[in-house]
Amino acid sequence: MSENFAISDRIRQWAEEKGHARLQERLDHFVGTAKAKGYRYVDWDQAFMNAIRDDWAKLGNDAAPKKQPALAW
């Protein structure tokens, strides 16, 4: 894993489209797990997206808060 692996624009866009939040917490868990277990991936962004989808960090897969449309009275 690259020492400076971070949340890329690709990951941010994907997470927003899929409704995933708390990316920094998820990244911290992913990096810790990957380093501890010596994981190696061809595509680290995709591996991180899989970890988010599979909720490795046990944060729940609740969607990011959506903006409520204004009430039309």
Foldseek 3Di string as FASTA:
>chain_A
DDPPDDCDPVNVVVLLVQQADPLVLLVVQVVVVCVVVVDDDPDVSVVSVVCSVVVVVVPDRHGHDDDDDDDDD
